[in-house]
Amino acid sequence: MKANTIITISRQYGSLGREIGKELSERLGIPYYDRELISLAAKKSGFSEELFDQLDRRATNSFLYSLTMFGSAGLNGLSLTDQLYVTQRNIIREVASQGSCVIVGRCADYILRKEPDIFHFFIKAPMAARLAHAKDDPKIPDATKETIEKLDKQRAAYYNFYTGQVWGHAANYDMCLDSDRLGVSKAVDMMIDFIETAQAKEAE
């Protein structure tokens, strides 16, 4: 794998995207960023980590509602929601500039779209599998199909609002994988093979 290879992973809630990202980073020996970005952004901005976590989760409120709640103009005329997004965006660019890494979620695919050696993956799974995985999330107790669909809609609204693109649209990614059919390790195998094949072809 080339130095300074950036890998972004977008995923449906409960599709094991986080687990796939962690195993990918471990096997490649490169840093992994997911919720770690929240701590970094909080330290950088001076906002509390709890505030970033609230924006990140949006478990009970829709994204549009959060825009209303945090919509009053603040620093430089930006709403609090916008300030949090800009801070997180800058952190993502900063960690990507430091070398190869895996970044899960947070519009990283769009934020880093101009990076030369970057690969975008989308992880999906059928609803039954996602419901089973949701049982391991203590912040979403008694998850239902409706709960998961709502979380996906909120994730999509956030992504679409800040990127102007459609979350989950195939054209935005290099590969889409079904984690239920493949399993975590096989999904990682395919991602690594894709990256190595693509980089080898570019080197010809």
Protein backbone atom coordinates (compact mmCIF):
# COMPACT_ATOMS: atom_id res chain seq x y z
CA MET A 1 0.00 0.00 0.00
CA LYS A 2 1.23 3.49 -0.84
CA ALA A 3 2.18 5.91 1.89
CA ASN A 4 -0.50 8.49 2.64
CA THR A 5 -3.37 6.23 1.58
CA ILE A 6 -6.62 7.52 3.05
CA ILE A 7 -9.60 5.19 3.49
CA THR A 8 -13.07 6.43 4.36
CA ILE A 9 -15.95 4.22 5.43
CA SER A 10 -19.59 5.28 5.35
CA ARG A 11 -22.15 2.88 6.73
CA GLN A 12 -25.73 2.15 7.61
CA TYR A 13 -26.41 2.04 11.32
CA GLY A 14 -25.80 -1.46 12.69
CA SER A 15 -23.94 -2.68 9.59
CA LEU A 16 -20.65 -3.29 11.46
CA GLY A 17 -18.89 -0.47 9.63
CA ARG A 18 -17.02 0.45 12.79
CA GLU A 19 -15.81 -3.11 13.35
CA ILE A 20 -14.71 -3.38 9.73
CA GLY A 21 -12.84 -0.08 9.99
CA LYS A 22 -11.03 -1.19 13.13
CA GLU A 23 -9.91 -4.49 11.65
CA LEU A 24 -8.84 -2.79 8.43
CA SER A 25 -6.66 -0.30 10.33
CA GLU A 26 -5.14 -3.06 12.46
CA ARG A 27 -4.26 -5.23 9.46
CA LEU A 28 -2.78 -2.32 7.55
CA GLY A 29 -1.02 -0.92 10.63
CA ILE A 30 -2.45 2.58 10.19
CA PRO A 31 -4.42 4.89 12.54
CA TYR A 32 -8.17 4.52 12.94
CA TYR A 33 -10.46 7.50 13.55
CA ASP A 34 -14.10 7.40 14.45
CA ARG A 35 -15.34 8.71 17.77
CA GLU A 36 -11.73 9.72 18.48
CA LEU A 37 -12.44 12.70 16.24
CA ILE A 38 -14.98 13.94 18.76
CA SER A 39 -12.35 14.20 21.51
CA LEU A 40 -9.88 15.87 19.15
CA ALA A 41 -12.48 18.36 17.92
CA ALA A 42 -13.60 19.18 21.46
CA LYS A 43 -10.02 19.90 22.56
CA LYS A 44 -9.40 22.01 19.48
CA SER A 45 -12.55 24.08 19.72
CA GLY A 46 -13.11 24.49 23.44
CA PHE A 47 -16.63 23.05 23.11
CA SER A 48 -17.49 20.20 25.43
CA GLU A 49 -17.10 16.63 24.24
CA GLU A 50 -20.71 16.04 25.31
CA LEU A 51 -21.90 18.66 22.82
CA PHE A 52 -20.02 17.01 19.97
CA ASP A 53 -21.38 13.65 21.07
CA GLN A 54 -24.92 15.02 21.04
CA LEU A 55 -24.51 16.29 17.49
CA ASP A 56 -22.88 13.05 16.42
CA ARG A 57 -25.56 10.79 17.86
CA ARG A 58 -28.76 12.74 17.26
CA ALA A 59 -30.49 9.70 18.75
CA THR A 60 -33.73 11.40 19.76
CA ASN A 61 -33.85 14.55 17.63
CA SER A 62 -33.81 14.89 13.89
CA PHE A 63 -30.94 16.74 12.24
CA LEU A 64 -33.27 19.50 11.10
CA TYR A 65 -34.45 19.89 14.69
CA SER A 66 -30.84 20.13 15.83
CA LEU A 67 -30.33 22.90 13.28
CA THR A 68 -33.22 24.74 14.88
CA MET A 69 -31.96 24.16 18.42
CA PHE A 70 -28.38 25.17 17.59
CA GLY A 71 -29.28 27.56 14.79
CA SER A 72 -28.69 30.94 16.41
CA ALA A 73 -25.74 32.77 14.91
CA GLY A 74 -22.52 32.63 16.88
CA LEU A 75 -18.86 32.99 16.05
CA ASN A 76 -18.34 34.51 12.58
CA GLY A 77 -22.07 34.35 11.98
CA LEU A 78 -22.07 30.54 12.02
CA SER A 79 -24.65 28.54 13.93
CA LEU A 80 -23.33 26.28 16.66
CA THR A 81 -24.08 23.26 14.48
CA ASP A 82 -22.02 24.77 11.66
CA GLN A 83 -19.17 25.61 14.03
CA LEU A 84 -19.05 22.02 15.23
CA TYR A 85 -19.06 20.73 11.66
CA VAL A 86 -16.28 23.11 10.58
CA THR A 87 -14.15 22.13 13.58
CA GLN A 88 -14.59 18.44 12.85
CA ARG A 89 -13.87 19.04 9.15
CA ASN A 90 -10.59 20.74 10.01
CA ILE A 91 -9.60 17.88 12.33
CA ILE A 92 -10.33 15.35 9.57
CA ARG A 93 -8.11 17.26 7.16
CA GLU A 94 -5.41 17.50 9.79
CA VAL A 95 -5.27 13.78 10.60
CA ALA A 96 -5.36 12.92 6.88
CA SER A 97 -2.36 15.20 6.27
CA GLN A 98 -0.34 13.19 8.79
CA GLY A 99 -0.35 9.97 6.74
CA SER A 100 -2.36 6.87 5.95
CA CYS A 101 -5.46 6.29 8.05
CA VAL A 102 -8.98 4.90 8.19
CA ILE A 103 -11.78 7.37 8.93
CA VAL A 104 -15.34 6.23 9.64
CA GLY A 105 -18.27 8.52 8.90
CA ARG A 106 -18.49 12.28 9.50
CA CYS A 107 -18.61 13.22 5.80
CA ALA A 108 -14.92 12.32 5.51
CA ASP A 109 -15.40 10.98 1.98
CA TYR A 110 -16.57 14.41 0.82
CA ILE A 111 -14.22 16.47 2.99
CA LEU A 112 -11.18 14.59 1.66
CA ARG A 113 -12.43 14.07 -1.91
CA LYS A 114 -9.45 15.92 -3.43
CA GLU A 115 -6.83 13.71 -1.77
CA PRO A 116 -4.81 11.84 -4.44
CA ASP A 117 -4.71 8.39 -2.82
CA ILE A 118 -8.12 8.01 -1.26
CA PHE A 119 -10.62 5.15 -1.27
CA HIS A 120 -14.27 5.33 -0.28
CA PHE A 121 -16.29 2.34 0.92
CA PHE A 122 -19.93 1.98 1.95
CA ILE A 123 -21.06 -0.79 4.31
CA LYS A 124 -24.63 -2.07 4.28
CA ALA A 125 -26.55 -5.00 5.77
CA PRO A 126 -30.13 -6.29 5.83
CA MET A 127 -32.40 -4.96 8.54
CA ALA A 128 -32.53 -8.22 10.52
CA ALA A 129 -28.76 -8.24 10.92
CA ARG A 130 -28.68 -4.58 11.84
CA LEU A 131 -31.31 -5.11 14.51
CA ALA A 132 -29.23 -7.93 15.99
CA HIS A 133 -26.11 -5.75 16.06
CA ALA A 134 -28.01 -2.82 17.60
CA LYS A 135 -28.50 -4.85 20.77
CA ASP A 136 -24.82 -4.24 21.54
CA ASP A 137 -25.28 -0.45 21.55
CA PRO A 138 -26.16 0.68 25.09
CA LYS A 139 -27.21 4.13 23.85
CA ILE A 140 -29.96 2.69 21.65
CA PRO A 141 -31.84 0.34 23.99
CA ASP A 142 -34.64 -1.79 22.55
CA ALA A 143 -33.88 -0.72 18.97
CA THR A 144 -36.65 -1.36 16.46
CA LYS A 145 -36.82 -1.23 12.67
CA GLU A 146 -38.32 2.26 12.99
CA THR A 147 -35.47 3.37 15.29
CA ILE A 148 -32.82 2.25 12.83
CA GLU A 149 -34.61 3.77 9.85
CA LYS A 150 -34.83 7.07 11.74
CA LEU A 151 -31.11 7.00 12.54
CA ASP A 152 -30.29 6.38 8.89
CA LYS A 153 -32.54 9.27 7.82
CA GLN A 154 -30.82 11.58 10.29
CA ARG A 155 -27.39 10.45 9.11
CA ALA A 156 -28.46 11.00 5.50
CA ALA A 157 -29.90 14.45 6.25
CA TYR A 158 -26.68 15.56 7.94
CA TYR A 159 -24.53 14.24 5.07
CA ASN A 160 -26.76 15.64 2.32
CA PHE A 161 -26.95 19.05 4.01
CA TYR A 162 -23.20 19.54 4.35
CA THR A 163 -22.03 17.86 1.15
CA GLY A 164 -24.78 18.53 -1.37
CA GLN A 165 -24.51 14.85 -2.30
CA VAL A 166 -26.74 11.86 -1.58
CA TRP A 167 -25.70 9.63 1.31
CA GLY A 168 -25.45 6.00 0.21
CA HIS A 169 -25.48 6.82 -3.51
CA ALA A 170 -23.23 4.32 -5.30
CA ALA A 171 -21.48 6.96 -7.41
CA ASN A 172 -19.91 8.45 -4.26
CA TYR A 173 -18.03 5.26 -3.33
CA ASP A 174 -15.45 2.92 -4.82
CA MET A 175 -17.14 -0.18 -3.43
CA CYS A 176 -20.27 -1.11 -1.50
CA LEU A 177 -20.14 -4.26 0.66
CA ASP A 178 -22.80 -6.27 2.47
CA SER A 179 -21.29 -7.12 5.87
CA ASP A 180 -23.90 -9.78 6.59
CA ARG A 181 -23.10 -11.79 3.47
CA LEU A 182 -19.34 -11.32 3.74
CA GLY A 183 -18.57 -11.09 7.44
CA VAL A 184 -16.10 -8.57 8.85
CA SER A 185 -12.83 -10.28 7.88
CA LYS A 186 -13.89 -11.11 4.31
CA ALA A 187 -15.10 -7.55 3.81
CA VAL A 188 -11.69 -6.33 4.94
CA ASP A 189 -10.00 -8.82 2.59
CA MET A 190 -11.94 -7.40 -0.34
CA MET A 191 -11.20 -3.79 0.60
CA ILE A 192 -7.47 -4.47 0.86
CA ASP A 193 -7.48 -6.37 -2.44
CA PHE A 194 -9.33 -3.50 -4.12
CA ILE A 195 -6.85 -0.91 -2.83
CA GLU A 196 -3.79 -2.95 -3.78
CA THR A 197 -5.18 -3.72 -7.25
CA ALA A 198 -6.08 -0.10 -7.92
CA GLN A 199 -2.72 1.21 -6.76
CA ALA A 200 -0.84 -1.41 -8.78
CA LYS A 201 -2.77 -0.42 -11.88
CA GLU A 202 -2.03 3.27 -11.29
CA ALA A 203 1.68 2.43 -11.03
CA GLU A 204 1.79 0.71 -14.44
